Amino acid sequence: MLDFWKKITNGSDLPTDSHTRTKLPHYARSYFDHIAAVYSGLAYSDFPVDKNDARQQVADRQEAESILEKAKDPNALTWGDVFRLESIVVKLQPPDALQRNVWIVRERFREISSPTVYKAYIASNPPTQIDSTQNVTLLRADLSRLVDVLHWYYALIPDRERLRKHLTLRCAKSITHYTFI
C-alpha cells in the first residue's frame, strides 16, 4: 500500500520521455492483421496507367511487404507501421472499393471527432463520387487524411489513459489527505 502512495506522490506512473516506445495494445495487433488481410486481397490493379503511378505502386507494395516482414516479430510493430500499411491500402485500392469504404472511414472519424470538427469536415464538401480520375484522386486524398487523423487519435490513447489514471490517483490522494487532516 505504501508503494501505491509513493507512486501517486511523485508521479512516477507518468512517462518522463514522451517518445518512449510502448508495446502496441492487443486491439492494434488485431487491427493490423485485418489491414494485412485486406492488403493481401488486393490484386495488382491496372488502375494506375501512368508510368510514375505504376512505379509508385511497386514502391508502395515493396514497403508494405517490408512492414509485413517486420510484423513477424510482434514486439517490433509500431503505430507508424499500422498507419503506413493502411495508407498503402488506401493508395492501392481500386476506385470501386475505395468508394465502398469511404463511408466507414468517415463514420470512424465522426465517432472520434467533436461535433464541431465533424460539422466543419462535412461543410468542406468532401468528395463522394468516382466519376472522373480527378474525383478518384480527391477521394483518395480525403481518405488518406482521415486515416492520418484516426491513427493520430489511436496512437494517443495510451498517453491519454496514463494521464487520466495519474490525475484520478492524484485527486484520490488529495481527497484522502484533506479528509484526514
Protein backbone atom coordinates (compact mmCIF):
# COMPACT_ATOMS: atom_id res chain seq x y z
CA MET A 1 0.00 0.00 0.00
CA LEU A 2 2.91 2.31 0.75
CA ASP A 3 4.25 1.87 -2.81
CA PHE A 4 0.85 2.93 -4.14
CA TRP A 5 1.04 6.24 -2.24
CA LYS A 6 4.65 6.80 -3.25
CA LYS A 7 3.70 6.41 -6.91
CA ILE A 8 0.89 8.91 -6.53
CA THR A 9 3.05 11.41 -4.70
CA ASN A 10 5.92 11.56 -7.14
CA GLY A 11 4.00 10.90 -10.36
CA SER A 12 6.27 8.00 -11.32
CA ASP A 13 3.48 6.42 -13.30
CA LEU A 14 3.82 9.10 -15.96
CA PRO A 15 6.45 8.64 -18.67
CA THR A 16 9.37 11.04 -18.48
CA ASP A 17 10.21 10.61 -22.16
CA SER A 18 7.29 11.30 -24.46
CA HIS A 19 8.96 9.33 -27.25
CA THR A 20 9.20 6.10 -25.29
CA ARG A 21 8.01 3.23 -27.47
CA THR A 22 5.41 1.10 -25.82
CA LYS A 23 4.16 -2.25 -26.95
CA LEU A 24 1.09 -1.95 -29.14
CA PRO A 25 -2.17 -2.78 -27.37
CA HIS A 26 -3.88 -6.03 -28.38
CA TYR A 27 -6.52 -4.23 -30.42
CA ALA A 28 -3.79 -2.62 -32.54
CA ARG A 29 -2.40 -6.02 -33.47
CA SER A 30 -5.88 -7.26 -34.42
CA TYR A 31 -6.42 -4.12 -36.46
CA PHE A 32 -3.06 -4.59 -38.18
CA ASP A 33 -3.90 -8.20 -39.01
CA HIS A 34 -7.15 -7.03 -40.62
CA ILE A 35 -5.34 -4.41 -42.72
CA ALA A 36 -2.73 -7.01 -43.72
CA ALA A 37 -5.54 -9.33 -44.88
CA VAL A 38 -7.10 -6.52 -46.93
CA TYR A 39 -3.70 -5.78 -48.45
CA SER A 40 -3.18 -9.46 -49.31
CA GLY A 41 -6.51 -9.44 -51.14
CA LEU A 42 -5.55 -6.54 -53.38
CA ALA A 43 -4.68 -7.70 -56.86
CA TYR A 44 -2.23 -5.75 -58.97
CA SER A 45 -4.62 -3.27 -60.45
CA ASP A 46 -4.49 -1.71 -63.89
CA PHE A 47 -5.82 1.49 -62.35
CA PRO A 48 -2.51 3.39 -62.38
CA VAL A 49 -1.85 3.73 -66.10
CA ASP A 50 0.77 6.43 -65.83
CA LYS A 51 4.34 5.06 -65.58
CA ASN A 52 5.02 7.18 -62.49
CA ASP A 53 1.87 5.78 -60.82
CA ALA A 54 2.97 2.24 -61.69
CA ARG A 55 6.43 2.89 -60.22
CA GLN A 56 4.84 4.33 -57.08
CA GLN A 57 2.57 1.29 -56.80
CA VAL A 58 5.59 -1.03 -56.95
CA ALA A 59 7.39 1.06 -54.31
CA ASP A 60 4.28 1.02 -52.09
CA ARG A 61 3.97 -2.74 -52.42
CA GLN A 62 7.65 -3.19 -51.52
CA GLU A 63 7.16 -1.03 -48.44
CA ALA A 64 4.04 -3.00 -47.48
CA GLU A 65 5.94 -6.27 -47.82
CA SER A 66 8.69 -4.85 -45.63
CA ILE A 67 6.14 -3.90 -42.96
CA LEU A 68 4.57 -7.37 -43.14
CA GLU A 69 8.01 -8.91 -42.71
CA LYS A 70 8.73 -6.66 -39.72
CA ALA A 71 5.38 -7.65 -38.17
CA LYS A 72 6.56 -11.24 -37.81
CA ASP A 73 8.23 -10.01 -34.62
CA PRO A 74 5.22 -8.92 -32.51
CA ASN A 75 7.33 -6.51 -30.45
CA ALA A 76 8.76 -4.69 -33.47
CA LEU A 77 5.44 -3.39 -34.80
CA THR A 78 4.64 0.30 -34.14
CA TRP A 79 1.64 2.54 -34.70
CA GLY A 80 3.64 4.03 -37.56
CA ASP A 81 3.73 0.64 -39.27
CA VAL A 82 -0.01 0.17 -38.82
CA PHE A 83 -0.67 3.64 -40.22
CA ARG A 84 1.73 3.19 -43.13
CA LEU A 85 0.18 -0.13 -44.17
CA GLU A 86 -3.33 1.29 -44.03
CA SER A 87 -2.20 4.32 -46.06
CA ILE A 88 -0.75 1.98 -48.68
CA VAL A 89 -4.02 0.04 -48.82
CA VAL A 90 -5.90 3.31 -49.43
CA LYS A 91 -3.47 4.15 -52.27
CA LEU A 92 -3.74 0.73 -53.90
CA GLN A 93 -7.46 0.08 -53.65
CA PRO A 94 -9.33 0.18 -56.93
CA PRO A 95 -11.80 3.08 -57.24
CA ASP A 96 -14.92 0.96 -56.66
CA ALA A 97 -13.54 -0.47 -53.40
CA LEU A 98 -12.41 2.99 -52.36
CA GLN A 99 -15.89 4.39 -52.87
CA ARG A 100 -17.44 1.50 -50.90
CA ASN A 101 -15.04 2.02 -47.97
CA VAL A 102 -15.31 5.78 -47.68
CA TRP A 103 -18.42 5.69 -45.50
CA ILE A 104 -16.87 3.50 -42.79
CA VAL A 105 -13.74 5.66 -42.51
CA ARG A 106 -15.92 8.75 -42.27
CA GLU A 107 -18.08 7.06 -39.65
CA ARG A 108 -14.97 6.21 -37.58
CA PHE A 109 -13.90 9.85 -37.91
CA ARG A 110 -17.34 11.05 -36.79
CA GLU A 111 -17.14 8.82 -33.71
CA ILE A 112 -13.81 10.21 -32.53
CA SER A 113 -14.10 13.86 -33.52
CA SER A 114 -16.08 16.53 -31.77
CA PRO A 115 -19.39 17.56 -33.35
CA THR A 116 -17.84 20.91 -34.31
CA VAL A 117 -14.92 19.29 -36.12
CA TYR A 118 -17.16 16.81 -37.91
CA LYS A 119 -19.55 19.60 -38.98
CA ALA A 120 -16.62 21.55 -40.38
CA TYR A 121 -15.42 18.45 -42.23
CA ILE A 122 -18.85 17.89 -43.80
CA ALA A 123 -19.11 21.61 -44.63
CA SER A 124 -15.84 21.27 -46.55
CA ASN A 125 -17.83 19.19 -49.05
CA PRO A 126 -15.70 16.02 -49.10
CA PRO A 127 -15.68 14.14 -52.41
CA THR A 128 -18.00 11.17 -52.80
CA GLN A 129 -18.10 10.24 -56.48
CA ILE A 130 -15.52 8.49 -58.63
CA ASP A 131 -16.87 9.58 -61.99
CA SER A 132 -13.52 11.04 -63.08
CA THR A 133 -9.82 10.47 -62.44
CA GLN A 134 -9.66 13.83 -60.64
CA ASN A 135 -12.50 12.81 -58.29
CA VAL A 136 -10.79 9.48 -57.52
CA THR A 137 -7.62 11.41 -56.67
CA LEU A 138 -9.59 13.78 -54.41
CA LEU A 139 -11.40 10.88 -52.72
CA ARG A 140 -8.08 9.08 -52.14
CA ALA A 141 -6.55 12.27 -50.67
CA ASP A 142 -9.58 12.75 -48.41
CA LEU A 143 -9.41 9.18 -47.13
CA SER A 144 -5.66 9.42 -46.62
CA ARG A 145 -6.13 12.49 -44.45
CA LEU A 146 -8.92 10.85 -42.45
CA VAL A 147 -6.79 7.74 -41.89
CA ASP A 148 -3.97 10.04 -40.73
CA VAL A 149 -6.25 11.73 -38.17
CA LEU A 150 -7.63 8.40 -36.98
CA HIS A 151 -4.18 6.96 -36.41
CA TRP A 152 -3.05 10.08 -34.58
CA TYR A 153 -6.01 9.61 -32.26
CA TYR A 154 -5.33 5.88 -31.79
CA ALA A 155 -1.66 6.50 -31.07
CA LEU A 156 -2.54 8.96 -28.31
CA ILE A 157 -4.97 6.64 -26.50
CA PRO A 158 -2.31 5.10 -24.18
CA ASP A 159 -0.95 8.55 -23.23
CA ARG A 160 -4.45 9.90 -22.54
CA GLU A 161 -5.24 6.85 -20.43
CA ARG A 162 -1.99 7.22 -18.48
CA LEU A 163 -2.71 10.89 -17.87
CA ARG A 164 -6.30 10.14 -16.82
CA LYS A 165 -5.09 7.49 -14.39
CA HIS A 166 -2.46 9.82 -12.99
CA LEU A 167 -4.97 12.66 -12.45
CA THR A 168 -7.52 10.30 -10.89
CA LEU A 169 -4.93 8.96 -8.46
CA ARG A 170 -3.76 12.48 -7.61
CA CYS A 171 -7.34 13.53 -6.90
CA ALA A 172 -7.91 10.46 -4.73
CA LYS A 173 -4.72 11.18 -2.80
CA SER A 174 -5.66 14.81 -2.28
CA ILE A 175 -9.18 13.97 -1.16
CA THR A 176 -7.87 11.32 1.23
CA HIS A 177 -5.20 13.66 2.53
CA TYR A 178 -7.59 16.57 3.15
CA THR A 179 -10.28 14.31 4.61
CA PHE A 180 -7.97 13.14 7.38
CA ILE A 181 -6.30 16.49 8.10
